[in-house]
Amino acid sequence: MGSSGEAWNKEKEDVMGNRGRFGKYGDIKRVAKLRDARKRPFSSLRPKESNAKERVLSQRKLHKIRGIEVRPGHNEDAEFVRALSERAFEKYGDYGDVIAKWLESGVGEAVVGLREGRACGFAMIGTTAELGALGGRFELLAIGVVESERRKGIASRLLKEVLALARTRGAKELLLHTGSDNTAAIRLFQKAGFEVIGVKKGFYPRGQDAIVMRIEIL
């Protein structure tokens, strides 16, 4: 898995730098850059589908596995995303409003998991240039499950669905950042096929290091 050649080596060196994609304390600058992202029509954000079989999640029937449904995220999910993000990511920074804003503005695209009609988790990718979606490289921005529903396979299911979503959007690879101390998340991503490609020192607003991971989407 992974790419080779001089171009990829240069990209990998950039990723592995300790100053982050937007400089030192990389996610602080990313948050500031995107906090006031403007709303734009979805048609201007997303490439046309090349195959009728690769319809977006919103055009497919809901999947049901072990009582969990997965559907596309909508603006109406912003409050759920905000509340869950505040709890799940508080250790790393004040992400509640920021992640909800990504959904509302259209710079991020999400899938939402439900049990018995109630939201229990979400996963979000960046599908626009504002979030680094250039040349087929997208980023997994966030994935979270409510505490009472964890360790039930929901995160794995959401990850699978969001990878499928990225594929329909034309992604060739998906990057992510996760806390270097978040061993459960690292195991989840490795099980799904992600590989560690670097470390960003002091990436998060509260100063923690981030592990950078990548998966090639075939």
N, C-alpha and C. Protein backbone atom coordinates (compact mmCIF):
# COMPACT_ATOMS: atom_id res chain seq x y z
N MET A 1 0.84 -1.18 0.00
CA MET A 1 0.00 0.00 0.00
C MET A 1 0.88 1.23 0.00
N GLY A 2 0.37 2.33 -0.65
CA GLY A 2 1.13 3.56 -0.65
C GLY A 2 1.70 3.82 -2.02
N SER A 3 2.24 5.05 -2.23
CA SER A 3 2.79 5.46 -3.49
C SER A 3 4.30 5.45 -3.43
N SER A 4 4.94 5.57 -4.61
CA SER A 4 6.39 5.60 -4.66
C SER A 4 6.82 6.70 -5.60
N GLY A 5 8.14 6.97 -5.62
CA GLY A 5 8.66 7.96 -6.54
C GLY A 5 8.97 9.26 -5.84
N GLU A 6 9.65 10.13 -6.59
CA GLU A 6 10.15 11.37 -6.01
C GLU A 6 9.03 12.27 -5.51
N ALA A 7 7.92 12.36 -6.29
CA ALA A 7 6.82 13.24 -5.89
C ALA A 7 6.24 12.81 -4.56
N TRP A 8 6.00 11.49 -4.40
CA TRP A 8 5.43 11.02 -3.14
C TRP A 8 6.39 11.22 -1.99
N ASN A 9 7.67 10.99 -2.22
CA ASN A 9 8.65 11.20 -1.16
C ASN A 9 8.63 12.63 -0.68
N LYS A 10 8.52 13.60 -1.61
CA LYS A 10 8.45 15.00 -1.22
C LYS A 10 7.20 15.27 -0.41
N GLU A 11 6.04 14.71 -0.85
CA GLU A 11 4.80 14.89 -0.10
C GLU A 11 4.93 14.32 1.30
N LYS A 12 5.56 13.15 1.41
CA LYS A 12 5.70 12.50 2.71
C LYS A 12 6.58 13.33 3.62
N GLU A 13 7.65 13.94 3.08
CA GLU A 13 8.49 14.79 3.89
C GLU A 13 7.70 15.98 4.42
N ASP A 14 6.83 16.55 3.56
CA ASP A 14 6.02 17.68 3.99
C ASP A 14 5.08 17.27 5.11
N VAL A 15 4.43 16.11 4.97
CA VAL A 15 3.49 15.64 5.98
C VAL A 15 4.19 15.40 7.30
N MET A 16 5.40 14.86 7.23
CA MET A 16 6.10 14.47 8.44
C MET A 16 6.79 15.64 9.13
N GLY A 17 6.74 16.82 8.52
CA GLY A 17 7.33 17.97 9.18
C GLY A 17 6.65 18.26 10.50
N ASN A 18 7.36 18.83 11.45
CA ASN A 18 6.79 19.03 12.77
C ASN A 18 6.09 20.37 12.92
N ARG A 19 5.89 21.08 11.82
CA ARG A 19 5.21 22.36 11.90
C ARG A 19 3.77 22.29 11.42
N GLY A 20 3.34 21.13 10.95
CA GLY A 20 1.95 20.97 10.56
C GLY A 20 1.65 21.60 9.21
N ARG A 21 0.48 21.26 8.67
CA ARG A 21 0.13 21.72 7.34
C ARG A 21 -0.02 23.23 7.28
N PHE A 22 -0.44 23.86 8.37
CA PHE A 22 -0.60 25.30 8.40
C PHE A 22 0.40 25.95 9.34
N GLY A 23 1.56 25.32 9.55
CA GLY A 23 2.58 25.87 10.43
C GLY A 23 2.48 25.29 11.82
N LYS A 24 3.28 25.81 12.75
CA LYS A 24 3.29 25.31 14.11
C LYS A 24 1.89 25.41 14.72
N TYR A 25 1.53 24.40 15.55
CA TYR A 25 0.18 24.30 16.10
C TYR A 25 -0.83 24.32 14.95
N GLY A 26 -0.63 23.38 14.02
CA GLY A 26 -1.33 23.37 12.75
C GLY A 26 -2.83 23.47 12.84
N ASP A 27 -3.47 22.78 13.77
CA ASP A 27 -4.93 22.78 13.79
C ASP A 27 -5.49 24.10 14.29
N ILE A 28 -4.73 24.88 15.04
CA ILE A 28 -5.20 26.19 15.47
C ILE A 28 -5.46 27.05 14.24
N LYS A 29 -4.51 27.05 13.30
CA LYS A 29 -4.65 27.86 12.10
C LYS A 29 -5.73 27.31 11.18
N ARG A 30 -5.86 25.99 11.14
CA ARG A 30 -6.92 25.41 10.31
C ARG A 30 -8.28 25.82 10.84
N VAL A 31 -8.45 25.77 12.15
CA VAL A 31 -9.72 26.17 12.76
C VAL A 31 -10.04 27.61 12.43
N ALA A 32 -9.04 28.50 12.58
CA ALA A 32 -9.26 29.92 12.30
C ALA A 32 -9.60 30.13 10.83
N LYS A 33 -8.94 29.38 9.97
CA LYS A 33 -9.15 29.52 8.52
C LYS A 33 -10.55 29.14 8.11
N LEU A 34 -11.12 28.16 8.78
CA LEU A 34 -12.40 27.60 8.35
C LEU A 34 -13.59 28.03 9.20
N ARG A 35 -13.33 28.74 10.29
CA ARG A 35 -14.41 29.06 11.23
C ARG A 35 -15.56 29.79 10.55
N ASP A 36 -15.22 30.69 9.63
CA ASP A 36 -16.24 31.50 8.98
C ASP A 36 -16.46 31.09 7.53
N ALA A 37 -16.26 29.80 7.24
CA ALA A 37 -16.44 29.31 5.87
C ALA A 37 -17.84 29.66 5.38
N ARG A 38 -17.93 30.16 4.17
CA ARG A 38 -19.22 30.59 3.64
C ARG A 38 -19.96 29.42 3.00
N LYS A 39 -21.28 29.50 3.07
CA LYS A 39 -22.09 28.46 2.45
C LYS A 39 -22.06 28.61 0.94
N ARG A 40 -21.99 27.48 0.25
CA ARG A 40 -22.02 27.47 -1.20
C ARG A 40 -22.91 26.34 -1.66
N PRO A 41 -23.48 26.46 -2.86
CA PRO A 41 -24.34 25.37 -3.36
C PRO A 41 -23.57 24.07 -3.45
N PHE A 42 -24.22 22.97 -3.06
CA PHE A 42 -23.56 21.68 -3.12
C PHE A 42 -23.08 21.36 -4.53
N SER A 43 -23.80 21.84 -5.55
CA SER A 43 -23.41 21.51 -6.92
C SER A 43 -22.05 22.06 -7.28
N SER A 44 -21.60 23.11 -6.61
CA SER A 44 -20.29 23.69 -6.90
C SER A 44 -19.19 23.01 -6.13
N LEU A 45 -19.54 22.14 -5.20
CA LEU A 45 -18.55 21.51 -4.35
C LEU A 45 -18.15 20.14 -4.83
N ARG A 46 -18.98 19.45 -5.55
CA ARG A 46 -18.80 18.03 -5.75
C ARG A 46 -18.72 17.66 -7.22
N PRO A 47 -17.82 16.78 -7.59
CA PRO A 47 -17.73 16.35 -8.98
C PRO A 47 -18.94 15.53 -9.39
N LYS A 48 -19.19 15.47 -10.68
CA LYS A 48 -20.28 14.65 -11.17
C LYS A 48 -19.95 13.18 -11.01
N GLU A 49 -20.96 12.37 -10.80
CA GLU A 49 -20.74 10.94 -10.64
C GLU A 49 -20.44 10.33 -12.00
N SER A 50 -19.46 9.45 -12.06
CA SER A 50 -19.06 8.86 -13.33
C SER A 50 -19.76 7.54 -13.59
N ASN A 51 -20.43 7.00 -12.60
CA ASN A 51 -21.05 5.69 -12.76
C ASN A 51 -22.35 5.68 -11.99
N ALA A 52 -23.41 5.22 -12.64
CA ALA A 52 -24.72 5.23 -12.00
C ALA A 52 -24.73 4.38 -10.75
N LYS A 53 -23.86 3.36 -10.69
CA LYS A 53 -23.82 2.48 -9.53
C LYS A 53 -23.16 3.15 -8.34
N GLU A 54 -22.42 4.25 -8.59
CA GLU A 54 -21.72 4.94 -7.51
C GLU A 54 -22.52 6.15 -7.07
N ARG A 55 -23.76 5.96 -6.79
CA ARG A 55 -24.60 7.06 -6.33
C ARG A 55 -24.21 7.45 -4.91
N VAL A 56 -24.43 8.71 -4.57
CA VAL A 56 -24.10 9.18 -3.24
C VAL A 56 -25.02 8.55 -2.23
N LEU A 57 -24.60 8.61 -0.95
CA LEU A 57 -25.39 7.98 0.11
C LEU A 57 -26.83 8.48 0.13
N SER A 58 -27.04 9.75 -0.20
CA SER A 58 -28.38 10.30 -0.14
C SER A 58 -29.31 9.66 -1.16
N GLN A 59 -28.76 8.95 -2.14
CA GLN A 59 -29.59 8.32 -3.16
C GLN A 59 -29.67 6.82 -2.97
N ARG A 60 -29.15 6.34 -1.85
CA ARG A 60 -29.20 4.90 -1.58
C ARG A 60 -30.14 4.62 -0.42
N LYS A 61 -30.60 3.39 -0.33
CA LYS A 61 -31.40 2.99 0.81
C LYS A 61 -30.53 2.95 2.05
N LEU A 62 -31.14 3.17 3.19
CA LEU A 62 -30.40 3.08 4.44
C LEU A 62 -29.90 1.67 4.66
N HIS A 63 -28.64 1.57 5.11
CA HIS A 63 -28.08 0.26 5.45
C HIS A 63 -28.46 -0.06 6.90
N LYS A 64 -28.72 -1.30 7.17
CA LYS A 64 -29.05 -1.71 8.53
C LYS A 64 -28.21 -2.92 8.90
N ILE A 65 -27.31 -2.72 9.82
CA ILE A 65 -26.46 -3.79 10.32
C ILE A 65 -26.46 -3.71 11.84
N ARG A 66 -26.87 -4.80 12.48
CA ARG A 66 -26.90 -4.85 13.93
C ARG A 66 -27.70 -3.68 14.52
N GLY A 67 -28.79 -3.34 13.87
CA GLY A 67 -29.65 -2.29 14.38
C GLY A 67 -29.17 -0.89 14.12
N ILE A 68 -28.08 -0.72 13.38
CA ILE A 68 -27.54 0.60 13.10
C ILE A 68 -27.86 1.01 11.67
N GLU A 69 -28.42 2.18 11.52
CA GLU A 69 -28.66 2.76 10.21
C GLU A 69 -27.60 3.84 9.96
N VAL A 70 -27.22 4.03 8.72
CA VAL A 70 -26.29 5.09 8.35
C VAL A 70 -26.90 5.89 7.22
N ARG A 71 -26.94 7.18 7.40
CA ARG A 71 -27.50 8.06 6.37
C ARG A 71 -26.58 9.27 6.19
N PRO A 72 -26.82 10.07 5.14
CA PRO A 72 -26.02 11.27 4.95
C PRO A 72 -26.29 12.28 6.06
N GLY A 73 -25.28 13.06 6.40
CA GLY A 73 -25.46 14.13 7.37
C GLY A 73 -26.10 15.35 6.71
N HIS A 74 -26.95 16.05 7.47
CA HIS A 74 -27.64 17.24 6.99
C HIS A 74 -27.39 18.39 7.95
N ASN A 75 -27.76 19.59 7.52
CA ASN A 75 -27.62 20.74 8.41
C ASN A 75 -28.35 20.54 9.73
N GLU A 76 -29.45 19.79 9.68
CA GLU A 76 -30.22 19.55 10.90
C GLU A 76 -29.44 18.72 11.92
N ASP A 77 -28.36 18.08 11.50
CA ASP A 77 -27.53 17.29 12.42
C ASP A 77 -26.47 18.13 13.11
N ALA A 78 -26.41 19.42 12.80
CA ALA A 78 -25.32 20.25 13.31
C ALA A 78 -25.28 20.28 14.83
N GLU A 79 -26.43 20.34 15.47
CA GLU A 79 -26.43 20.41 16.93
C GLU A 79 -25.91 19.11 17.54
N PHE A 80 -26.30 17.97 16.97
CA PHE A 80 -25.76 16.69 17.44
C PHE A 80 -24.26 16.63 17.25
N VAL A 81 -23.80 17.02 16.07
CA VAL A 81 -22.36 17.02 15.78
C VAL A 81 -21.62 17.95 16.75
N ARG A 82 -22.20 19.10 17.02
CA ARG A 82 -21.58 20.06 17.94
C ARG A 82 -21.46 19.47 19.34
N ALA A 83 -22.55 18.92 19.85
CA ALA A 83 -22.54 18.40 21.22
C ALA A 83 -21.59 17.21 21.37
N LEU A 84 -21.62 16.29 20.41
CA LEU A 84 -20.74 15.13 20.49
C LEU A 84 -19.28 15.54 20.35
N SER A 85 -18.99 16.47 19.46
CA SER A 85 -17.62 16.92 19.26
C SER A 85 -17.07 17.61 20.51
N GLU A 86 -17.92 18.39 21.17
CA GLU A 86 -17.48 19.05 22.40
C GLU A 86 -17.03 18.04 23.44
N ARG A 87 -17.79 16.95 23.57
CA ARG A 87 -17.45 15.93 24.56
C ARG A 87 -16.27 15.06 24.11
N ALA A 88 -16.33 14.63 22.87
CA ALA A 88 -15.35 13.65 22.39
C ALA A 88 -13.96 14.24 22.17
N PHE A 89 -13.89 15.51 21.78
CA PHE A 89 -12.60 16.09 21.40
C PHE A 89 -12.14 17.20 22.33
N GLU A 90 -12.81 17.36 23.48
CA GLU A 90 -12.46 18.43 24.42
C GLU A 90 -11.00 18.38 24.83
N LYS A 91 -10.47 17.18 24.95
CA LYS A 91 -9.07 17.00 25.37
C LYS A 91 -8.11 17.72 24.44
N TYR A 92 -8.48 17.84 23.18
CA TYR A 92 -7.57 18.38 22.17
C TYR A 92 -7.83 19.84 21.82
N GLY A 93 -9.03 20.32 22.08
CA GLY A 93 -9.35 21.71 21.76
C GLY A 93 -10.85 21.93 21.74
N ASP A 94 -11.24 23.16 21.48
CA ASP A 94 -12.66 23.53 21.43
C ASP A 94 -13.18 23.31 20.00
N TYR A 95 -13.58 22.10 19.73
CA TYR A 95 -13.93 21.72 18.37
C TYR A 95 -15.43 21.69 18.09
N GLY A 96 -16.27 21.84 19.08
CA GLY A 96 -17.70 21.68 18.87
C GLY A 96 -18.25 22.57 17.78
N ASP A 97 -18.10 23.88 17.94
CA ASP A 97 -18.64 24.82 16.96
C ASP A 97 -17.95 24.68 15.61
N VAL A 98 -16.66 24.42 15.65
CA VAL A 98 -15.89 24.35 14.41
C VAL A 98 -16.36 23.21 13.52
N ILE A 99 -16.47 22.02 14.09
CA ILE A 99 -16.86 20.85 13.28
C ILE A 99 -18.31 20.99 12.80
N ALA A 100 -19.18 21.52 13.65
CA ALA A 100 -20.56 21.76 13.22
C ALA A 100 -20.60 22.76 12.07
N LYS A 101 -19.73 23.77 12.14
CA LYS A 101 -19.68 24.77 11.07
C LYS A 101 -19.22 24.15 9.76
N TRP A 102 -18.29 23.21 9.82
CA TRP A 102 -17.85 22.54 8.60
C TRP A 102 -19.03 21.84 7.92
N LEU A 103 -19.90 21.22 8.71
CA LEU A 103 -21.07 20.56 8.15
C LEU A 103 -22.04 21.57 7.56
N GLU A 104 -22.34 22.62 8.31
CA GLU A 104 -23.32 23.61 7.89
C GLU A 104 -22.88 24.37 6.65
N SER A 105 -21.59 24.64 6.53
CA SER A 105 -21.07 25.45 5.42
C SER A 105 -20.88 24.65 4.15
N GLY A 106 -20.86 23.33 4.27
CA GLY A 106 -20.67 22.49 3.09
C GLY A 106 -19.23 22.16 2.78
N VAL A 107 -18.27 22.67 3.56
CA VAL A 107 -16.87 22.32 3.30
C VAL A 107 -16.54 20.93 3.82
N GLY A 108 -17.40 20.41 4.70
CA GLY A 108 -17.28 19.04 5.18
C GLY A 108 -18.54 18.28 4.83
N GLU A 109 -18.40 16.98 4.65
CA GLU A 109 -19.55 16.13 4.32
C GLU A 109 -19.54 14.94 5.27
N ALA A 110 -20.70 14.63 5.84
CA ALA A 110 -20.75 13.64 6.92
C ALA A 110 -21.72 12.51 6.63
N VAL A 111 -21.50 11.41 7.35
CA VAL A 111 -22.49 10.35 7.48
C VAL A 111 -22.82 10.25 8.96
N VAL A 112 -24.06 9.90 9.25
CA VAL A 112 -24.55 9.84 10.63
C VAL A 112 -25.09 8.45 10.91
N GLY A 113 -24.69 7.89 12.04
CA GLY A 113 -25.20 6.60 12.47
C GLY A 113 -26.37 6.77 13.41
N LEU A 114 -27.38 5.91 13.28
CA LEU A 114 -28.56 5.97 14.14
C LEU A 114 -28.89 4.60 14.68
N ARG A 115 -29.34 4.57 15.91
CA ARG A 115 -29.90 3.37 16.51
C ARG A 115 -31.31 3.70 16.97
N GLU A 116 -32.27 2.95 16.47
CA GLU A 116 -33.68 3.19 16.78
C GLU A 116 -34.06 4.64 16.52
N GLY A 117 -33.53 5.18 15.43
CA GLY A 117 -33.89 6.52 15.01
C GLY A 117 -33.13 7.64 15.69
N ARG A 118 -32.28 7.32 16.65
CA ARG A 118 -31.53 8.35 17.37
C ARG A 118 -30.07 8.35 16.94
N ALA A 119 -29.54 9.55 16.69
CA ALA A 119 -28.15 9.67 16.25
C ALA A 119 -27.21 9.15 17.34
N CYS A 120 -26.24 8.34 16.93
CA CYS A 120 -25.30 7.78 17.90
C CYS A 120 -23.85 7.98 17.48
N GLY A 121 -23.61 8.56 16.33
CA GLY A 121 -22.24 8.80 15.90
C GLY A 121 -22.21 9.46 14.53
N PHE A 122 -21.05 9.95 14.16
CA PHE A 122 -20.89 10.56 12.84
C PHE A 122 -19.44 10.45 12.39
N ALA A 123 -19.23 10.58 11.10
CA ALA A 123 -17.90 10.68 10.52
C ALA A 123 -17.96 11.74 9.43
N MET A 124 -16.87 12.51 9.29
CA MET A 124 -16.88 13.63 8.36
C MET A 124 -15.58 13.68 7.56
N ILE A 125 -15.72 13.95 6.27
CA ILE A 125 -14.56 14.16 5.42
C ILE A 125 -14.61 15.56 4.83
N GLY A 126 -13.45 16.07 4.47
CA GLY A 126 -13.37 17.34 3.74
C GLY A 126 -13.39 17.04 2.25
N THR A 127 -14.33 17.65 1.54
CA THR A 127 -14.48 17.38 0.11
C THR A 127 -14.25 18.61 -0.73
N THR A 128 -13.68 19.67 -0.15
CA THR A 128 -13.44 20.91 -0.88
C THR A 128 -11.99 21.32 -0.75
N ALA A 129 -11.58 22.26 -1.60
CA ALA A 129 -10.20 22.74 -1.57
C ALA A 129 -9.85 23.40 -0.25
N GLU A 130 -10.84 24.01 0.41
CA GLU A 130 -10.57 24.64 1.71
C GLU A 130 -10.04 23.64 2.73
N LEU A 131 -10.41 22.38 2.56
CA LEU A 131 -9.97 21.34 3.49
C LEU A 131 -8.96 20.40 2.84
N GLY A 132 -8.26 20.91 1.85
CA GLY A 132 -7.16 20.15 1.28
C GLY A 132 -7.55 19.08 0.28
N ALA A 133 -8.79 19.10 -0.19
CA ALA A 133 -9.24 18.08 -1.15
C ALA A 133 -8.77 18.46 -2.55
N LEU A 134 -7.51 18.21 -2.81
CA LEU A 134 -6.90 18.55 -4.09
C LEU A 134 -6.23 17.32 -4.68
N GLY A 135 -6.37 17.16 -5.98
CA GLY A 135 -5.68 16.06 -6.65
C GLY A 135 -6.05 14.69 -6.13
N GLY A 136 -7.29 14.54 -5.68
CA GLY A 136 -7.73 13.24 -5.18
C GLY A 136 -7.36 12.94 -3.75
N ARG A 137 -6.75 13.89 -3.05
CA ARG A 137 -6.40 13.68 -1.64
C ARG A 137 -7.44 14.37 -0.76
N PHE A 138 -8.17 13.61 0.00
CA PHE A 138 -9.16 14.13 0.94
C PHE A 138 -8.67 13.88 2.36
N GLU A 139 -9.40 14.46 3.33
CA GLU A 139 -9.03 14.25 4.73
C GLU A 139 -10.24 13.81 5.55
N LEU A 140 -10.04 12.83 6.41
CA LEU A 140 -11.05 12.47 7.40
C LEU A 140 -10.93 13.49 8.53
N LEU A 141 -11.93 14.34 8.68
CA LEU A 141 -11.88 15.43 9.63
C LEU A 141 -12.22 15.01 11.05
N ALA A 142 -13.19 14.13 11.19
CA ALA A 142 -13.63 13.73 12.53
C ALA A 142 -14.46 12.46 12.44
N ILE A 143 -14.38 11.68 13.50
CA ILE A 143 -15.25 10.52 13.67
C ILE A 143 -15.49 10.36 15.16
N GLY A 144 -16.75 10.23 15.54
CA GLY A 144 -17.07 10.13 16.96
C GLY A 144 -18.34 9.32 17.19
N VAL A 145 -18.39 8.66 18.33
CA VAL A 145 -19.54 7.85 18.74
C VAL A 145 -19.89 8.23 20.17
N VAL A 146 -21.18 8.33 20.47
CA VAL A 146 -21.58 8.68 21.83
C VAL A 146 -21.08 7.61 22.79
N GLU A 147 -20.76 8.02 23.99
CA GLU A 147 -20.06 7.14 24.93
C GLU A 147 -20.80 5.83 25.19
N SER A 148 -22.11 5.90 25.34
CA SER A 148 -22.88 4.70 25.67
C SER A 148 -22.95 3.69 24.53
N GLU A 149 -22.56 4.10 23.32
CA GLU A 149 -22.64 3.22 22.15
C GLU A 149 -21.26 2.78 21.66
N ARG A 150 -20.23 3.07 22.40
CA ARG A 150 -18.88 2.71 21.95
C ARG A 150 -18.61 1.22 22.15
N ARG A 151 -17.60 0.75 21.43
CA ARG A 151 -17.17 -0.66 21.47
C ARG A 151 -18.28 -1.60 21.01
N LYS A 152 -19.07 -1.13 20.06
CA LYS A 152 -20.13 -1.95 19.47
C LYS A 152 -19.98 -2.06 17.96
N GLY A 153 -18.84 -1.63 17.44
CA GLY A 153 -18.60 -1.71 16.01
C GLY A 153 -19.13 -0.54 15.21
N ILE A 154 -19.68 0.47 15.90
CA ILE A 154 -20.28 1.59 15.18
C ILE A 154 -19.22 2.43 14.48
N ALA A 155 -18.10 2.68 15.15
CA ALA A 155 -17.04 3.49 14.54
C ALA A 155 -16.51 2.81 13.28
N SER A 156 -16.34 1.49 13.33
CA SER A 156 -15.87 0.76 12.15
C SER A 156 -16.86 0.89 11.01
N ARG A 157 -18.14 0.81 11.35
CA ARG A 157 -19.19 0.93 10.33
C ARG A 157 -19.18 2.33 9.70
N LEU A 158 -19.07 3.36 10.54
CA LEU A 158 -19.03 4.73 10.03
C LEU A 158 -17.81 4.96 9.16
N LEU A 159 -16.69 4.40 9.58
CA LEU A 159 -15.46 4.55 8.80
C LEU A 159 -15.61 3.90 7.43
N LYS A 160 -16.21 2.73 7.40
CA LYS A 160 -16.43 2.04 6.12
C LYS A 160 -17.31 2.87 5.20
N GLU A 161 -18.37 3.46 5.76
CA GLU A 161 -19.30 4.25 4.95
C GLU A 161 -18.65 5.53 4.45
N VAL A 162 -17.84 6.17 5.29
CA VAL A 162 -17.24 7.43 4.88
C VAL A 162 -16.13 7.19 3.84
N LEU A 163 -15.49 6.03 3.90
CA LEU A 163 -14.53 5.67 2.85
C LEU A 163 -15.25 5.48 1.51
N ALA A 164 -16.42 4.85 1.56
CA ALA A 164 -17.21 4.68 0.35
C ALA A 164 -17.65 6.03 -0.20
N LEU A 165 -18.02 6.94 0.70
CA LEU A 165 -18.41 8.28 0.28
C LEU A 165 -17.25 9.00 -0.39
N ALA A 166 -16.07 8.91 0.21
CA ALA A 166 -14.89 9.55 -0.37
C ALA A 166 -14.62 9.01 -1.78
N ARG A 167 -14.82 7.72 -1.95
CA ARG A 167 -14.60 7.12 -3.27
C ARG A 167 -15.55 7.72 -4.30
N THR A 168 -16.82 7.90 -3.94
CA THR A 168 -17.77 8.48 -4.89
C THR A 168 -17.43 9.92 -5.22
N ARG A 169 -16.71 10.59 -4.33
CA ARG A 169 -16.32 11.98 -4.58
C ARG A 169 -15.02 12.08 -5.37
N GLY A 170 -14.45 10.96 -5.74
CA GLY A 170 -13.24 10.98 -6.54
C GLY A 170 -11.95 10.91 -5.77
N ALA A 171 -12.01 10.56 -4.49
CA ALA A 171 -10.79 10.49 -3.68
C ALA A 171 -9.92 9.32 -4.12
N LYS A 172 -8.62 9.56 -4.17
CA LYS A 172 -7.63 8.52 -4.43
C LYS A 172 -6.92 8.10 -3.14
N GLU A 173 -6.90 8.99 -2.19
CA GLU A 173 -6.31 8.68 -0.89
C GLU A 173 -7.00 9.53 0.17
N LEU A 174 -6.96 9.05 1.40
CA LEU A 174 -7.58 9.75 2.52
C LEU A 174 -6.54 9.87 3.63
N LEU A 175 -6.33 11.09 4.10
CA LEU A 175 -5.43 11.35 5.21
C LEU A 175 -6.25 11.60 6.46
N LEU A 176 -5.63 11.44 7.61
CA LEU A 176 -6.26 11.81 8.87
C LEU A 176 -5.19 12.17 9.89
N HIS A 177 -5.63 12.92 10.90
CA HIS A 177 -4.80 13.22 12.06
C HIS A 177 -5.52 12.68 13.29
N THR A 178 -4.80 12.05 14.17
CA THR A 178 -5.38 11.59 15.43
C THR A 178 -4.34 11.76 16.53
N GLY A 179 -4.80 11.93 17.76
CA GLY A 179 -3.88 12.14 18.87
C GLY A 179 -2.91 10.99 19.02
N SER A 180 -1.64 11.32 19.26
CA SER A 180 -0.63 10.26 19.40
C SER A 180 -0.89 9.37 20.60
N ASP A 181 -1.72 9.86 21.55
CA ASP A 181 -2.05 9.07 22.73
C ASP A 181 -3.38 8.32 22.58
N ASN A 182 -4.03 8.47 21.43
CA ASN A 182 -5.35 7.86 21.22
C ASN A 182 -5.16 6.47 20.61
N THR A 183 -4.74 5.53 21.44
CA THR A 183 -4.40 4.20 20.94
C THR A 183 -5.60 3.46 20.35
N ALA A 184 -6.79 3.68 20.92
CA ALA A 184 -7.98 3.01 20.40
C ALA A 184 -8.27 3.45 18.97
N ALA A 185 -8.16 4.76 18.73
CA ALA A 185 -8.41 5.27 17.38
C ALA A 185 -7.35 4.78 16.41
N ILE A 186 -6.10 4.77 16.84
CA ILE A 186 -5.02 4.30 15.97
C ILE A 186 -5.26 2.85 15.56
N ARG A 187 -5.68 2.02 16.52
CA ARG A 187 -5.97 0.61 16.20
C ARG A 187 -7.13 0.51 15.22
N LEU A 188 -8.16 1.32 15.43
CA LEU A 188 -9.32 1.32 14.53
C LEU A 188 -8.89 1.63 13.11
N PHE A 189 -8.09 2.67 12.95
CA PHE A 189 -7.67 3.08 11.62
C PHE A 189 -6.73 2.06 10.97
N GLN A 190 -5.83 1.50 11.76
CA GLN A 190 -4.93 0.49 11.21
C GLN A 190 -5.71 -0.74 10.75
N LYS A 191 -6.71 -1.12 11.52
CA LYS A 191 -7.53 -2.28 11.14
C LYS A 191 -8.24 -2.03 9.82
N ALA A 192 -8.59 -0.76 9.58
CA ALA A 192 -9.28 -0.41 8.33
C ALA A 192 -8.33 -0.28 7.15
N GLY A 193 -7.02 -0.32 7.42
CA GLY A 193 -6.05 -0.26 6.33
C GLY A 193 -5.21 0.99 6.27
N PHE A 194 -5.39 1.92 7.22
CA PHE A 194 -4.56 3.12 7.25
C PHE A 194 -3.15 2.77 7.72
N GLU A 195 -2.17 3.51 7.23
CA GLU A 195 -0.79 3.35 7.67
C GLU A 195 -0.29 4.67 8.25
N VAL A 196 0.56 4.59 9.25
CA VAL A 196 1.16 5.78 9.84
C VAL A 196 2.24 6.30 8.90
N ILE A 197 2.18 7.60 8.58
CA ILE A 197 3.18 8.18 7.69
C ILE A 197 3.94 9.33 8.33
N GLY A 198 3.58 9.71 9.55
CA GLY A 198 4.31 10.80 10.17
C GLY A 198 3.72 11.24 11.49
N VAL A 199 4.39 12.22 12.09
CA VAL A 199 3.96 12.82 13.35
C VAL A 199 4.06 14.33 13.20
N LYS A 200 3.06 15.05 13.71
CA LYS A 200 3.10 16.51 13.75
C LYS A 200 3.14 16.95 15.21
N LYS A 201 4.22 17.55 15.60
CA LYS A 201 4.40 17.99 16.98
C LYS A 201 3.51 19.19 17.29
N GLY A 202 2.87 19.16 18.45
CA GLY A 202 2.06 20.28 18.90
C GLY A 202 0.97 20.67 17.93
N PHE A 203 0.39 19.71 17.25
CA PHE A 203 -0.60 20.00 16.21
C PHE A 203 -1.91 20.53 16.77
N TYR A 204 -2.33 20.01 17.92
CA TYR A 204 -3.64 20.37 18.45
C TYR A 204 -3.58 21.63 19.30
N PRO A 205 -4.71 22.36 19.41
CA PRO A 205 -4.72 23.60 20.18
C PRO A 205 -4.23 23.46 21.61
N ARG A 206 -4.44 22.30 22.23
CA ARG A 206 -3.98 22.11 23.61
C ARG A 206 -2.56 21.54 23.66
N GLY A 207 -1.91 21.47 22.51
CA GLY A 207 -0.49 21.15 22.48
C GLY A 207 -0.10 19.72 22.20
N GLN A 208 -1.06 18.81 22.06
CA GLN A 208 -0.72 17.41 21.83
C GLN A 208 -0.18 17.19 20.41
N ASP A 209 0.62 16.13 20.29
CA ASP A 209 1.12 15.72 18.98
C ASP A 209 0.03 14.95 18.24
N ALA A 210 0.11 14.97 16.93
CA ALA A 210 -0.82 14.21 16.09
C ALA A 210 -0.07 13.17 15.28
N ILE A 211 -0.66 11.98 15.19
CA ILE A 211 -0.20 10.96 14.27
C ILE A 211 -0.90 11.20 12.93
N VAL A 212 -0.15 11.16 11.85
CA VAL A 212 -0.72 11.32 10.51
C VAL A 212 -0.82 9.94 9.87
N MET A 213 -2.00 9.61 9.34
CA MET A 213 -2.22 8.31 8.74
C MET A 213 -2.81 8.48 7.35
N ARG A 214 -2.65 7.45 6.54
CA ARG A 214 -3.07 7.52 5.14
C ARG A 214 -3.58 6.16 4.68
N ILE A 215 -4.59 6.22 3.80
CA ILE A 215 -5.05 5.01 3.12
C ILE A 215 -5.24 5.33 1.65
N GLU A 216 -4.87 4.41 0.80
CA GLU A 216 -5.11 4.55 -0.63
C GLU A 216 -6.48 3.98 -0.94
N ILE A 217 -7.25 4.73 -1.73
CA ILE A 217 -8.61 4.32 -2.08
C ILE A 217 -8.60 3.80 -3.51
N LEU A 218 -8.90 2.54 -3.65
CA LEU A 218 -8.84 1.89 -4.96
C LEU A 218 -10.21 1.84 -5.61
